[in-house]
């Protein structure tokens, strides 16, 4: 993703940077960022903010006993069940076409319901 963005004239890629604040009322007018190494803080004039997180799933702990795709995302069925009975996965750690809070929350609700059904026999 970084390499693809580097060639765009209207995109600035910032490494080792923390988003400190988003400015504006009805629309975004800028952001405040700080460098994690130097602690320097600066404002940037922008009209939009896109935050990408979860590009690499934190699934290493399950490697070897839970089925995953080639990228390390956990495979589930529509009930969030994995290949191991009683083990469920939800959110950005599982194979899914979307990486959004709303879908992760829905996955969690489905997984919790499935776990409850599994435990009540």
PDB file of N, CA and C in Angstrom:
ATOM      1  N   UNK A   1       0.822  -1.193   0.000  1.00  0.00           N
ATOM      2  CA  UNK A   1       0.000   0.000   0.000  1.00  0.00           C
ATOM      3  C   UNK A   1       0.865   1.256   0.000  1.00  0.00           C
ATOM      4  N   UNK A   2       1.941   1.226   0.768  1.00  0.00           N
ATOM      5  CA  UNK A   2       2.816   2.394   0.851  1.00  0.00           C
ATOM      6  C   UNK A   2       3.419   2.705  -0.508  1.00  0.00           C
ATOM      7  N   UNK A   3       3.910   1.677  -1.186  1.00  0.00           N
ATOM      8  CA  UNK A   3       4.528   1.895  -2.496  1.00  0.00           C
ATOM      9  C   UNK A   3       3.530   2.480  -3.476  1.00  0.00           C
ATOM     10  N   UNK A   4       2.289   2.017  -3.446  1.00  0.00           N
ATOM     11  CA  UNK A   4       1.257   2.540  -4.342  1.00  0.00           C
ATOM     12  C   UNK A   4       0.946   3.998  -4.029  1.00  0.00           C
ATOM     13  N   UNK A   5       0.963   4.367  -2.764  1.00  0.00           N
ATOM     14  CA  UNK A   5       0.663   5.743  -2.366  1.00  0.00           C
ATOM     15  C   UNK A   5       1.805   6.712  -2.652  1.00  0.00           C
ATOM     16  N   UNK A   6       3.030   6.212  -2.626  1.00  0.00           N
ATOM     17  CA  UNK A   6       4.192   7.084  -2.838  1.00  0.00           C
ATOM     18  C   UNK A   6       4.147   7.798  -4.183  1.00  0.00           C
ATOM     19  N   UNK A   7       3.552   7.190  -5.183  1.00  0.00           N
ATOM     20  CA  UNK A   7       3.508   7.790  -6.502  1.00  0.00           C
ATOM     21  C   UNK A   7       2.384   8.783  -6.701  1.00  0.00           C
ATOM     22  N   UNK A   8       1.550   8.987  -5.709  1.00  0.00           N
ATOM     23  CA  UNK A   8       0.415   9.899  -5.843  1.00  0.00           C
ATOM     24  C   UNK A   8       0.799  11.299  -5.406  1.00  0.00           C
ATOM     25  N   UNK A   9       0.485  12.277  -6.233  1.00  0.00           N
ATOM     26  CA  UNK A   9       0.847  13.664  -5.949  1.00  0.00           C
ATOM     27  C   UNK A   9       0.076  14.233  -4.758  1.00  0.00           C
ATOM     28  N   UNK A  10      -1.111  13.714  -4.497  1.00  0.00           N
ATOM     29  CA  UNK A  10      -1.943  14.270  -3.432  1.00  0.00           C
ATOM     30  C   UNK A  10      -1.912  13.444  -2.142  1.00  0.00           C
ATOM     31  N   UNK A  11      -0.898  12.589  -1.982  1.00  0.00           N
ATOM     32  CA  UNK A  11      -0.783  11.757  -0.792  1.00  0.00           C
ATOM     33  C   UNK A  11       0.604  11.922  -0.198  1.00  0.00           C
ATOM     34  N   UNK A  12       0.655  12.149   1.105  1.00  0.00           N
ATOM     35  CA  UNK A  12       1.927  12.200   1.814  1.00  0.00           C
ATOM     36  C   UNK A  12       1.946  11.037   2.804  1.00  0.00           C
ATOM     37  N   UNK A  13       2.923  10.167   2.677  1.00  0.00           N
ATOM     38  CA  UNK A  13       3.057   9.027   3.579  1.00  0.00           C
ATOM     39  C   UNK A  13       3.951   9.444   4.732  1.00  0.00           C
ATOM     40  N   UNK A  14       3.468   9.260   5.956  1.00  0.00           N
ATOM     41  CA  UNK A  14       4.216   9.637   7.151  1.00  0.00           C
ATOM     42  C   UNK A  14       4.557   8.381   7.946  1.00  0.00           C
ATOM     43  N   UNK A  15       5.831   8.176   8.212  1.00  0.00           N
ATOM     44  CA  UNK A  15       6.275   7.043   9.021  1.00  0.00           C
ATOM     45  C   UNK A  15       6.575   7.523  10.438  1.00  0.00           C
ATOM     46  N   UNK A  16       6.527   6.615  11.394  1.00  0.00           N
ATOM     47  CA  UNK A  16       6.842   6.934  12.792  1.00  0.00           C
ATOM     48  C   UNK A  16       6.064   8.154  13.270  1.00  0.00           C
ATOM     49  N   UNK A  17       4.786   8.198  12.917  1.00  0.00           N
ATOM     50  CA  UNK A  17       3.958   9.366  13.194  1.00  0.00           C
ATOM     51  C   UNK A  17       2.691   8.958  13.926  1.00  0.00           C
ATOM     52  N   UNK A  18       2.298   9.789  14.881  1.00  0.00           N
ATOM     53  CA  UNK A  18       1.079   9.573  15.649  1.00  0.00           C
ATOM     54  C   UNK A  18       0.101  10.690  15.342  1.00  0.00           C
ATOM     55  N   UNK A  19      -1.142  10.338  15.060  1.00  0.00           N
ATOM     56  CA  UNK A  19      -2.192  11.331  14.871  1.00  0.00           C
ATOM     57  C   UNK A  19      -2.598  11.850  16.244  1.00  0.00           C
ATOM     58  N   UNK A  20      -2.393  13.124  16.477  1.00  0.00           N
ATOM     59  CA  UNK A  20      -2.691  13.734  17.783  1.00  0.00           C
ATOM     60  C   UNK A  20      -4.074  14.374  17.810  1.00  0.00           C
ATOM     61  N   UNK A  21      -4.582  14.806  16.650  1.00  0.00           N
ATOM     62  CA  UNK A  21      -5.890  15.439  16.632  1.00  0.00           C
ATOM     63  C   UNK A  21      -6.366  15.711  15.219  1.00  0.00           C
ATOM     64  N   UNK A  22      -7.682  15.776  15.089  1.00  0.00           N
ATOM     65  CA  UNK A  22      -8.325  16.126  13.825  1.00  0.00           C
ATOM     66  C   UNK A  22      -9.012  17.467  14.038  1.00  0.00           C
ATOM     67  N   UNK A  23      -8.761  18.415  13.153  1.00  0.00           N
ATOM     68  CA  UNK A  23      -9.280  19.770  13.287  1.00  0.00           C
ATOM     69  C   UNK A  23     -10.435  20.010  12.313  1.00  0.00           C
ATOM     70  N   UNK A  24     -11.354  20.876  12.720  1.00  0.00           N
ATOM     71  CA  UNK A  24     -12.487  21.233  11.878  1.00  0.00           C
ATOM     72  C   UNK A  24     -13.784  21.043  12.631  1.00  0.00           C
ATOM     73  N   UNK A  25     -14.832  21.646  12.094  1.00  0.00           N
ATOM     74  CA  UNK A  25     -16.157  21.518  12.704  1.00  0.00           C
ATOM     75  C   UNK A  25     -17.002  20.521  11.914  1.00  0.00           C
ATOM     76  N   UNK A  26     -17.635  20.986  10.843  1.00  0.00           N
ATOM     77  CA  UNK A  26     -18.465  20.102  10.032  1.00  0.00           C
ATOM     78  C   UNK A  26     -17.635  19.266   9.064  1.00  0.00           C
ATOM     79  N   UNK A  27     -16.447  19.751   8.726  1.00  0.00           N
ATOM     80  CA  UNK A  27     -15.554  19.018   7.824  1.00  0.00           C
ATOM     81  C   UNK A  27     -14.130  19.070   8.371  1.00  0.00           C
ATOM     82  N   UNK A  28     -13.306  18.192   7.887  1.00  0.00           N
ATOM     83  CA  UNK A  28     -11.901  18.161   8.299  1.00  0.00           C
ATOM     84  C   UNK A  28     -11.160  19.310   7.622  1.00  0.00           C
ATOM     85  N   UNK A  29     -10.433  20.094   8.433  1.00  0.00           N
ATOM     86  CA  UNK A  29      -9.626  21.196   7.886  1.00  0.00           C
ATOM     87  C   UNK A  29      -8.134  20.972   8.107  1.00  0.00           C
ATOM     88  N   UNK A  30      -7.800  20.012   8.943  1.00  0.00           N
ATOM     89  CA  UNK A  30      -6.393  19.731   9.201  1.00  0.00           C
ATOM     90  C   UNK A  30      -6.237  18.684  10.278  1.00  0.00           C
ATOM     91  N   UNK A  31      -4.984  18.285  10.479  1.00  0.00           N
ATOM     92  CA  UNK A  31      -4.661  17.330  11.539  1.00  0.00           C
ATOM     93  C   UNK A  31      -3.399  17.794  12.250  1.00  0.00           C
ATOM     94  N   UNK A  32      -3.221  17.315  13.457  1.00  0.00           N
ATOM     95  CA  UNK A  32      -1.992  17.529  14.217  1.00  0.00           C
ATOM     96  C   UNK A  32      -1.320  16.178  14.370  1.00  0.00           C
ATOM     97  N   UNK A  33      -0.028  16.124  14.015  1.00  0.00           N
ATOM     98  CA  UNK A  33       0.727  14.881  14.105  1.00  0.00           C
ATOM     99  C   UNK A  33       2.006  15.105  14.881  1.00  0.00           C
ATOM    100  N   UNK A  34       2.537  14.024  15.436  1.00  0.00           N
ATOM    101  CA  UNK A  34       3.837  14.105  16.098  1.00  0.00           C
ATOM    102  C   UNK A  34       4.680  12.909  15.682  1.00  0.00           C
ATOM    103  N   UNK A  35       5.973  13.138  15.624  1.00  0.00           N
ATOM    104  CA  UNK A  35       6.927  12.101  15.277  1.00  0.00           C
ATOM    105  C   UNK A  35       7.281  11.336  16.544  1.00  0.00           C
ATOM    106  N   UNK A  36       7.209  10.013  16.494  1.00  0.00           N
ATOM    107  CA  UNK A  36       7.457   9.213  17.689  1.00  0.00           C
ATOM    108  C   UNK A  36       8.918   9.232  18.111  1.00  0.00           C
ATOM    109  N   UNK A  37       9.824   9.492  17.185  1.00  0.00           N
ATOM    110  CA  UNK A  37      11.247   9.508  17.516  1.00  0.00           C
ATOM    111  C   UNK A  37      11.687  10.861  18.061  1.00  0.00           C
ATOM    112  N   UNK A  38      11.299  11.937  17.370  1.00  0.00           N
ATOM    113  CA  UNK A  38      11.764  13.275  17.758  1.00  0.00           C
ATOM    114  C   UNK A  38      10.796  13.993  18.688  1.00  0.00           C
ATOM    115  N   UNK A  39       9.565  13.509  18.759  1.00  0.00           N
ATOM    116  CA  UNK A  39       8.481  14.137  19.545  1.00  0.00           C
ATOM    117  C   UNK A  39       8.038  15.476  18.952  1.00  0.00           C
ATOM    118  N   UNK A  40       8.569  15.844  17.773  1.00  0.00           N
ATOM    119  CA  UNK A  40       8.154  17.080  17.114  1.00  0.00           C
ATOM    120  C   UNK A  40       6.693  16.969  16.706  1.00  0.00           C
ATOM    121  N   UNK A  41       5.941  18.020  16.995  1.00  0.00           N
ATOM    122  CA  UNK A  41       4.520  18.063  16.645  1.00  0.00           C
ATOM    123  C   UNK A  41       4.309  19.145  15.605  1.00  0.00           C
ATOM    124  N   UNK A  42       3.462  18.831  14.598  1.00  0.00           N
ATOM    125  CA  UNK A  42       3.201  19.829  13.568  1.00  0.00           C
ATOM    126  C   UNK A  42       1.784  19.671  13.043  1.00  0.00           C
ATOM    127  N   UNK A  43       1.202  20.797  12.594  1.00  0.00           N
ATOM    128  CA  UNK A  43      -0.114  20.731  11.957  1.00  0.00           C
ATOM    129  C   UNK A  43       0.047  20.465  10.460  1.00  0.00           C
ATOM    130  N   UNK A  44      -0.921  19.794   9.881  1.00  0.00           N
ATOM    131  CA  UNK A  44      -0.948  19.572   8.438  1.00  0.00           C
ATOM    132  C   UNK A  44      -2.314  19.984   7.910  1.00  0.00           C
ATOM    133  N   UNK A  45      -2.329  20.743   6.821  1.00  0.00           N
ATOM    134  CA  UNK A  45      -3.583  21.123   6.181  1.00  0.00           C
ATOM    135  C   UNK A  45      -4.052  19.972   5.303  1.00  0.00           C
ATOM    136  N   UNK A  46      -5.145  19.362   5.684  1.00  0.00           N
ATOM    137  CA  UNK A  46      -5.729  18.262   4.912  1.00  0.00           C
ATOM    138  C   UNK A  46      -7.248  18.416   4.910  1.00  0.00           C
ATOM    139  N   UNK A  47      -7.886  17.775   3.949  1.00  0.00           N
ATOM    140  CA  UNK A  47      -9.350  17.824   3.890  1.00  0.00           C
ATOM    141  C   UNK A  47      -9.969  16.452   4.120  1.00  0.00           C
ATOM    142  N   UNK A  48      -9.134  15.458   4.403  1.00  0.00           N
ATOM    143  CA  UNK A  48      -9.638  14.118   4.672  1.00  0.00           C
ATOM    144  C   UNK A  48      -8.619  13.301   5.419  1.00  0.00           C
ATOM    145  N   UNK A  49      -9.094  12.313   6.144  1.00  0.00           N
ATOM    146  CA  UNK A  49      -8.221  11.440   6.931  1.00  0.00           C
ATOM    147  C   UNK A  49      -8.658   9.999   6.696  1.00  0.00           C
ATOM    148  N   UNK A  50      -7.707   9.147   6.329  1.00  0.00           N
ATOM    149  CA  UNK A  50      -7.951   7.723   6.165  1.00  0.00           C
ATOM    150  C   UNK A  50      -6.947   6.994   7.049  1.00  0.00           C
ATOM    151  N   UNK A  51      -7.459   6.233   8.006  1.00  0.00           N
ATOM    152  CA  UNK A  51      -6.585   5.513   8.918  1.00  0.00           C
ATOM    153  C   UNK A  51      -6.662   4.032   8.566  1.00  0.00           C
ATOM    154  N   UNK A  52      -5.526   3.449   8.279  1.00  0.00           N
ATOM    155  CA  UNK A  52      -5.469   2.028   7.947  1.00  0.00           C
ATOM    156  C   UNK A  52      -4.795   1.292   9.088  1.00  0.00           C
ATOM    157  N   UNK A  53      -5.507   0.337   9.657  1.00  0.00           N
ATOM    158  CA  UNK A  53      -4.961  -0.478  10.738  1.00  0.00           C
ATOM    159  C   UNK A  53      -5.402  -1.913  10.502  1.00  0.00           C
ATOM    160  N   UNK A  54      -4.680  -2.832  11.063  1.00  0.00           N
ATOM    161  CA  UNK A  54      -5.082  -4.225  10.952  1.00  0.00           C
ATOM    162  C   UNK A  54      -4.740  -4.868   9.630  1.00  0.00           C
ATOM    163  N   UNK A  55      -3.730  -4.361   8.964  1.00  0.00           N
ATOM    164  CA  UNK A  55      -3.357  -4.940   7.682  1.00  0.00           C
ATOM    165  C   UNK A  55      -2.677  -6.284   7.850  1.00  0.00           C
ATOM    166  N   UNK A  56      -2.082  -6.500   8.993  1.00  0.00           N
ATOM    167  CA  UNK A  56      -1.489  -7.792   9.311  1.00  0.00           C
ATOM    168  C   UNK A  56      -2.190  -8.307  10.562  1.00  0.00           C
ATOM    169  N   UNK A  57      -2.871  -9.441  10.445  1.00  0.00           N
ATOM    170  CA  UNK A  57      -3.639  -9.930  11.592  1.00  0.00           C
ATOM    171  C   UNK A  57      -2.740 -10.393  12.738  1.00  0.00           C
ATOM    172  N   UNK A  58      -3.192 -10.162  13.946  1.00  0.00           N
ATOM    173  CA  UNK A  58      -2.471 -10.621  15.144  1.00  0.00           C
ATOM    174  C   UNK A  58      -2.935 -12.041  15.459  1.00  0.00           C
ATOM    175  N   UNK A  59      -2.570 -12.969  14.587  1.00  0.00           N
ATOM    176  CA  UNK A  59      -3.053 -14.341  14.709  1.00  0.00           C
ATOM    177  C   UNK A  59      -1.940 -15.354  14.937  1.00  0.00           C
ATOM    178  N   UNK A  60      -0.734 -14.896  15.117  1.00  0.00           N
ATOM    179  CA  UNK A  60       0.407 -15.792  15.272  1.00  0.00           C
ATOM    180  C   UNK A  60       0.237 -16.814  16.382  1.00  0.00           C
ATOM    181  N   UNK A  61      -0.450 -16.433  17.448  1.00  0.00           N
ATOM    182  CA  UNK A  61      -0.655 -17.336  18.577  1.00  0.00           C
ATOM    183  C   UNK A  61      -1.437 -18.588  18.177  1.00  0.00           C
ATOM    184  N   UNK A  62      -2.228 -18.497  17.103  1.00  0.00           N
ATOM    185  CA  UNK A  62      -3.078 -19.613  16.694  1.00  0.00           C
ATOM    186  C   UNK A  62      -2.472 -20.424  15.547  1.00  0.00           C
ATOM    187  N   UNK A  63      -1.334 -19.988  15.051  1.00  0.00           N
ATOM    188  CA  UNK A  63      -0.701 -20.674  13.913  1.00  0.00           C
ATOM    189  C   UNK A  63      -0.367 -22.112  14.292  1.00  0.00           C
ATOM    190  N   UNK A  64      -0.737 -23.026  13.415  1.00  0.00           N
ATOM    191  CA  UNK A  64      -0.429 -24.431  13.654  1.00  0.00           C
ATOM    192  C   UNK A  64      -1.621 -25.241  14.105  1.00  0.00           C
ATOM    193  N   UNK A  65      -2.644 -24.604  14.657  1.00  0.00           N
ATOM    194  CA  UNK A  65      -3.819 -25.383  15.031  1.00  0.00           C
ATOM    195  C   UNK A  65      -5.129 -24.775  14.546  1.00  0.00           C
ATOM    196  N   UNK A  66      -5.135 -23.512  14.142  1.00  0.00           N
ATOM    197  CA  UNK A  66      -6.314 -22.884  13.553  1.00  0.00           C
ATOM    198  C   UNK A  66      -6.024 -22.667  12.068  1.00  0.00           C
ATOM    199  N   UNK A  67      -6.969 -23.013  11.204  1.00  0.00           N
ATOM    200  CA  UNK A  67      -6.764 -22.829   9.766  1.00  0.00           C
ATOM    201  C   UNK A  67      -6.775 -21.341   9.413  1.00  0.00           C
ATOM    202  N   UNK A  68      -5.792 -20.951   8.580  1.00  0.00           N
ATOM    203  CA  UNK A  68      -5.644 -19.562   8.154  1.00  0.00           C
ATOM    204  C   UNK A  68      -5.420 -19.512   6.653  1.00  0.00           C
ATOM    205  N   UNK A  69      -5.615 -18.320   6.088  1.00  0.00           N
ATOM    206  CA  UNK A  69      -5.268 -18.140   4.682  1.00  0.00           C
ATOM    207  C   UNK A  69      -3.782 -17.821   4.572  1.00  0.00           C
ATOM    208  N   UNK A  70      -3.313 -17.576   3.366  1.00  0.00           N
ATOM    209  CA  UNK A  70      -1.887 -17.345   3.138  1.00  0.00           C
ATOM    210  C   UNK A  70      -1.362 -16.073   3.791  1.00  0.00           C
ATOM    211  N   UNK A  71      -2.265 -15.151   4.155  1.00  0.00           N
ATOM    212  CA  UNK A  71      -1.857 -13.896   4.794  1.00  0.00           C
ATOM    213  C   UNK A  71      -1.925 -13.963   6.319  1.00  0.00           C
ATOM    214  N   UNK A  72      -2.433 -15.072   6.852  1.00  0.00           N
ATOM    215  CA  UNK A  72      -2.525 -15.225   8.300  1.00  0.00           C
ATOM    216  C   UNK A  72      -3.877 -14.865   8.887  1.00  0.00           C
ATOM    217  N   UNK A  73      -4.869 -14.584   8.026  1.00  0.00           N
ATOM    218  CA  UNK A  73      -6.220 -14.312   8.529  1.00  0.00           C
ATOM    219  C   UNK A  73      -6.901 -15.644   8.841  1.00  0.00           C
ATOM    220  N   UNK A  74      -7.618 -15.712   9.948  1.00  0.00           N
ATOM    221  CA  UNK A  74      -8.255 -16.941  10.408  1.00  0.00           C
ATOM    222  C   UNK A  74      -9.506 -17.231   9.585  1.00  0.00           C
ATOM    223  N   UNK A  75      -9.624 -18.478   9.151  1.00  0.00           N
ATOM    224  CA  UNK A  75     -10.789 -18.906   8.382  1.00  0.00           C
ATOM    225  C   UNK A  75     -11.924 -19.262   9.339  1.00  0.00           C
ATOM    226  N   UNK A  76     -13.112 -18.746   9.039  1.00  0.00           N
ATOM    227  CA  UNK A  76     -14.313 -19.049   9.838  1.00  0.00           C
ATOM    228  C   UNK A  76     -15.471 -19.332   8.900  1.00  0.00           C
ATOM    229  N   UNK A  77     -16.539 -19.878   9.475  1.00  0.00           N
ATOM    230  CA  UNK A  77     -17.788 -19.971   8.733  1.00  0.00           C
ATOM    231  C   UNK A  77     -18.649 -18.755   9.102  1.00  0.00           C
ATOM    232  N   UNK A  78     -19.893 -18.732   8.654  1.00  0.00           N
ATOM    233  CA  UNK A  78     -20.742 -17.566   8.915  1.00  0.00           C
ATOM    234  C   UNK A  78     -21.119 -17.397  10.381  1.00  0.00           C
ATOM    235  N   UNK A  79     -20.856 -18.427  11.194  1.00  0.00           N
ATOM    236  CA  UNK A  79     -21.121 -18.353  12.633  1.00  0.00           C
ATOM    237  C   UNK A  79     -19.853 -18.025  13.418  1.00  0.00           C
ATOM    238  N   UNK A  80     -18.788 -17.670  12.723  1.00  0.00           N
ATOM    239  CA  UNK A  80     -17.471 -17.308  13.269  1.00  0.00           C
ATOM    240  C   UNK A  80     -16.750 -18.498  13.878  1.00  0.00           C
ATOM    241  N   UNK A  81     -17.192 -19.718  13.558  1.00  0.00           N
ATOM    242  CA  UNK A  81     -16.541 -20.927  14.043  1.00  0.00           C
ATOM    243  C   UNK A  81     -15.272 -21.188  13.237  1.00  0.00           C
ATOM    244  N   UNK A  82     -14.224 -21.572  13.916  1.00  0.00           N
ATOM    245  CA  UNK A  82     -12.994 -21.991  13.254  1.00  0.00           C
ATOM    246  C   UNK A  82     -13.051 -23.504  13.053  1.00  0.00           C
ATOM    247  N   UNK A  83     -11.967 -24.084  12.593  1.00  0.00           N
ATOM    248  CA  UNK A  83     -11.894 -25.533  12.424  1.00  0.00           C
ATOM    249  C   UNK A  83     -11.773 -26.278  13.753  1.00  0.00           C
ATOM    250  N   UNK A  84     -11.558 -25.548  14.853  1.00  0.00           N
ATOM    251  CA  UNK A  84     -11.451 -26.161  16.176  1.00  0.00           C
ATOM    252  C   UNK A  84     -12.753 -25.916  16.937  1.00  0.00           C
ATOM    253  N   UNK A  85     -13.467 -26.974  17.308  1.00  0.00           N
ATOM    254  CA  UNK A  85     -14.733 -26.801  18.024  1.00  0.00           C
ATOM    255  C   UNK A  85     -14.558 -25.960  19.294  1.00  0.00           C
ATOM    256  N   UNK A  86     -15.436 -24.970  19.456  1.00  0.00           N
ATOM    257  CA  UNK A  86     -15.395 -24.106  20.629  1.00  0.00           C
ATOM    258  C   UNK A  86     -14.460 -22.916  20.490  1.00  0.00           C
ATOM    259  N   UNK A  87     -13.785 -22.782  19.353  1.00  0.00           N
ATOM    260  CA  UNK A  87     -12.892 -21.641  19.113  1.00  0.00           C
ATOM    261  C   UNK A  87     -13.484 -20.797  17.994  1.00  0.00           C
ATOM    262  N   UNK A  88     -13.636 -19.509  18.265  1.00  0.00           N
ATOM    263  CA  UNK A  88     -14.273 -18.577  17.342  1.00  0.00           C
ATOM    264  C   UNK A  88     -13.317 -17.428  17.045  1.00  0.00           C
ATOM    265  N   UNK A  89     -13.526 -16.788  15.915  1.00  0.00           N
ATOM    266  CA  UNK A  89     -12.727 -15.616  15.548  1.00  0.00           C
ATOM    267  C   UNK A  89     -13.669 -14.533  15.049  1.00  0.00           C
ATOM    268  N   UNK A  90     -13.326 -13.282  15.346  1.00  0.00           N
ATOM    269  CA  UNK A  90     -14.172 -12.164  14.937  1.00  0.00           C
ATOM    270  C   UNK A  90     -13.317 -10.947  14.619  1.00  0.00           C
ATOM    271  N   UNK A  91     -13.844 -10.102  13.763  1.00  0.00           N
ATOM    272  CA  UNK A  91     -13.176  -8.837  13.470  1.00  0.00           C
ATOM    273  C   UNK A  91     -12.058  -8.952  12.466  1.00  0.00           C
ATOM    274  N   UNK A  92     -11.090  -8.063  12.590  1.00  0.00           N
ATOM    275  CA  UNK A  92     -10.027  -7.936  11.600  1.00  0.00           C
ATOM    276  C   UNK A  92      -9.059  -9.105  11.563  1.00  0.00           C
ATOM    277  N   UNK A  93      -9.151 -10.028  12.492  1.00  0.00           N
ATOM    278  CA  UNK A  93      -8.254 -11.178  12.506  1.00  0.00           C
ATOM    279  C   UNK A  93      -8.749 -12.292  11.577  1.00  0.00           C
ATOM    280  N   UNK A  94     -10.000 -12.215  11.149  1.00  0.00           N
ATOM    281  CA  UNK A  94     -10.557 -13.287  10.323  1.00  0.00           C
ATOM    282  C   UNK A  94     -10.641 -12.885   8.856  1.00  0.00           C
ATOM    283  N   UNK A  95     -10.740 -13.872   7.985  1.00  0.00           N
ATOM    284  CA  UNK A  95     -10.909 -13.630   6.555  1.00  0.00           C
ATOM    285  C   UNK A  95     -12.227 -12.896   6.360  1.00  0.00           C
ATOM    286  N   UNK A  96     -12.165 -11.728   5.731  1.00  0.00           N
ATOM    287  CA  UNK A  96     -13.358 -10.910   5.517  1.00  0.00           C
ATOM    288  C   UNK A  96     -13.068  -9.898   4.419  1.00  0.00           C
ATOM    289  N   UNK A  97     -14.067  -9.549   3.617  1.00  0.00           N
ATOM    290  CA  UNK A  97     -13.830  -8.549   2.572  1.00  0.00           C
ATOM    291  C   UNK A  97     -13.751  -7.123   3.108  1.00  0.00           C
ATOM    292  N   UNK A  98     -14.192  -6.898   4.346  1.00  0.00           N
ATOM    293  CA  UNK A  98     -14.204  -5.555   4.931  1.00  0.00           C
ATOM    294  C   UNK A  98     -13.373  -5.492   6.199  1.00  0.00           C
ATOM    295  N   UNK A  99     -12.768  -4.366   6.439  1.00  0.00           N
ATOM    296  CA  UNK A  99     -12.036  -4.083   7.675  1.00  0.00           C
ATOM    297  C   UNK A  99     -12.644  -2.812   8.249  1.00  0.00           C
ATOM    298  N   UNK A 100     -13.791  -2.974   8.908  1.00  0.00           N
ATOM    299  CA  UNK A 100     -14.514  -1.833   9.460  1.00  0.00           C
ATOM    300  C   UNK A 100     -14.977  -2.160  10.869  1.00  0.00           C
ATOM    301  N   UNK A 101     -15.083  -1.118  11.685  1.00  0.00           N
ATOM    302  CA  UNK A 101     -15.526  -1.312  13.066  1.00  0.00           C
ATOM    303  C   UNK A 101     -16.899  -1.965  13.117  1.00  0.00           C
ATOM    304  N   UNK A 102     -17.799  -1.523  12.252  1.00  0.00           N
ATOM    305  CA  UNK A 102     -19.162  -2.042  12.277  1.00  0.00           C
ATOM    306  C   UNK A 102     -19.194  -3.534  11.960  1.00  0.00           C
ATOM    307  N   UNK A 103     -18.359  -4.000  11.027  1.00  0.00           N
ATOM    308  CA  UNK A 103     -18.355  -5.429  10.714  1.00  0.00           C
ATOM    309  C   UNK A 103     -17.664  -6.221  11.815  1.00  0.00           C
ATOM    310  N   UNK A 104     -16.641  -5.647  12.428  1.00  0.00           N
ATOM    311  CA  UNK A 104     -15.971  -6.323  13.535  1.00  0.00           C
ATOM    312  C   UNK A 104     -16.923  -6.485  14.723  1.00  0.00           C
ATOM    313  N   UNK A 105     -17.711  -5.454  15.002  1.00  0.00           N
ATOM    314  CA  UNK A 105     -18.684  -5.527  16.097  1.00  0.00           C
ATOM    315  C   UNK A 105     -19.750  -6.580  15.803  1.00  0.00           C
ATOM    316  N   UNK A 106     -20.209  -6.629  14.567  1.00  0.00           N
ATOM    317  CA  UNK A 106     -21.200  -7.636  14.186  1.00  0.00           C
ATOM    318  C   UNK A 106     -20.610  -9.036  14.301  1.00  0.00           C
ATOM    319  N   UNK A 107     -19.375  -9.207  13.844  1.00  0.00           N
ATOM    320  CA  UNK A 107     -18.697 -10.497  13.995  1.00  0.00           C
ATOM    321  C   UNK A 107     -18.653 -10.916  15.459  1.00  0.00           C
ATOM    322  N   UNK A 108     -18.328  -9.966  16.328  1.00  0.00           N
ATOM    323  CA  UNK A 108     -18.254 -10.252  17.760  1.00  0.00           C
ATOM    324  C   UNK A 108     -19.580 -10.711  18.322  1.00  0.00           C
ATOM    325  N   UNK A 109     -20.667 -10.077  17.881  1.00  0.00           N
ATOM    326  CA  UNK A 109     -21.998 -10.473  18.342  1.00  0.00           C
ATOM    327  C   UNK A 109     -22.327 -11.883  17.873  1.00  0.00           C
ATOM    328  N   UNK A 110     -22.016 -12.184  16.620  1.00  0.00           N
ATOM    329  CA  UNK A 110     -22.266 -13.522  16.081  1.00  0.00           C
ATOM    330  C   UNK A 110     -21.413 -14.555  16.815  1.00  0.00           C
ATOM    331  N   UNK A 111     -20.148 -14.252  17.029  1.00  0.00           N
ATOM    332  CA  UNK A 111     -19.255 -15.182  17.728  1.00  0.00           C
ATOM    333  C   UNK A 111     -19.727 -15.434  19.151  1.00  0.00           C
ATOM    334  N   UNK A 112     -20.133 -14.380  19.844  1.00  0.00           N
ATOM    335  CA  UNK A 112     -20.614 -14.541  21.223  1.00  0.00           C
ATOM    336  C   UNK A 112     -21.866 -15.411  21.268  1.00  0.00           C
ATOM    337  N   UNK A 113     -22.776 -15.185  20.341  1.00  0.00           N
ATOM    338  CA  UNK A 113     -23.995 -15.996  20.292  1.00  0.00           C
ATOM    339  C   UNK A 113     -23.658 -17.460  19.972  1.00  0.00           C
ATOM    340  N   UNK A 114     -22.767 -17.658  19.022  1.00  0.00           N
ATOM    341  CA  UNK A 114     -22.360 -19.020  18.665  1.00  0.00           C
ATOM    342  C   UNK A 114     -21.682 -19.723  19.834  1.00  0.00           C
ATOM    343  N   UNK A 115     -20.829 -19.022  20.555  1.00  0.00           N
ATOM    344  CA  UNK A 115     -20.161 -19.592  21.723  1.00  0.00           C
ATOM    345  C   UNK A 115     -21.166 -19.949  22.801  1.00  0.00           C
ATOM    346  N   UNK A 116     -22.160 -19.092  23.003  1.00  0.00           N
ATOM    347  CA  UNK A 116     -23.198 -19.358  23.993  1.00  0.00           C
ATOM    348  C   UNK A 116     -23.982 -20.618  23.614  1.00  0.00           C
ATOM    349  N   UNK A 117     -24.346 -20.722  22.325  1.00  0.00           N
ATOM    350  CA  UNK A 117     -25.067 -21.897  21.869  1.00  0.00           C
ATOM    351  C   UNK A 117     -24.208 -23.169  22.036  1.00  0.00           C
ATOM    352  N   UNK A 118     -22.917 -23.052  21.747  1.00  0.00           N
ATOM    353  CA  UNK A 118     -22.017 -24.201  21.879  1.00  0.00           C
ATOM    354  C   UNK A 118     -21.912 -24.652  23.338  1.00  0.00           C
ATOM    355  N   UNK A 119     -21.838 -23.685  24.256  1.00  0.00           N
ATOM    356  CA  UNK A 119     -21.660 -24.030  25.671  1.00  0.00           C
ATOM    357  C   UNK A 119     -22.943 -24.544  26.313  1.00  0.00           C
ATOM    358  N   UNK A 120     -24.103 -24.186  25.754  1.00  0.00           N
ATOM    359  CA  UNK A 120     -25.353 -24.637  26.361  1.00  0.00           C
ATOM    360  C   UNK A 120     -25.847 -25.940  25.747  1.00  0.00           C
ATOM    361  N   UNK A 121     -25.059 -26.462  24.833  1.00  0.00           N
ATOM    362  CA  UNK A 121     -25.266 -27.787  24.305  1.00  0.00           C
ATOM    363  C   UNK A 121     -26.481 -27.961  23.498  1.00  0.00           C
TER     364      UNK A 121
END
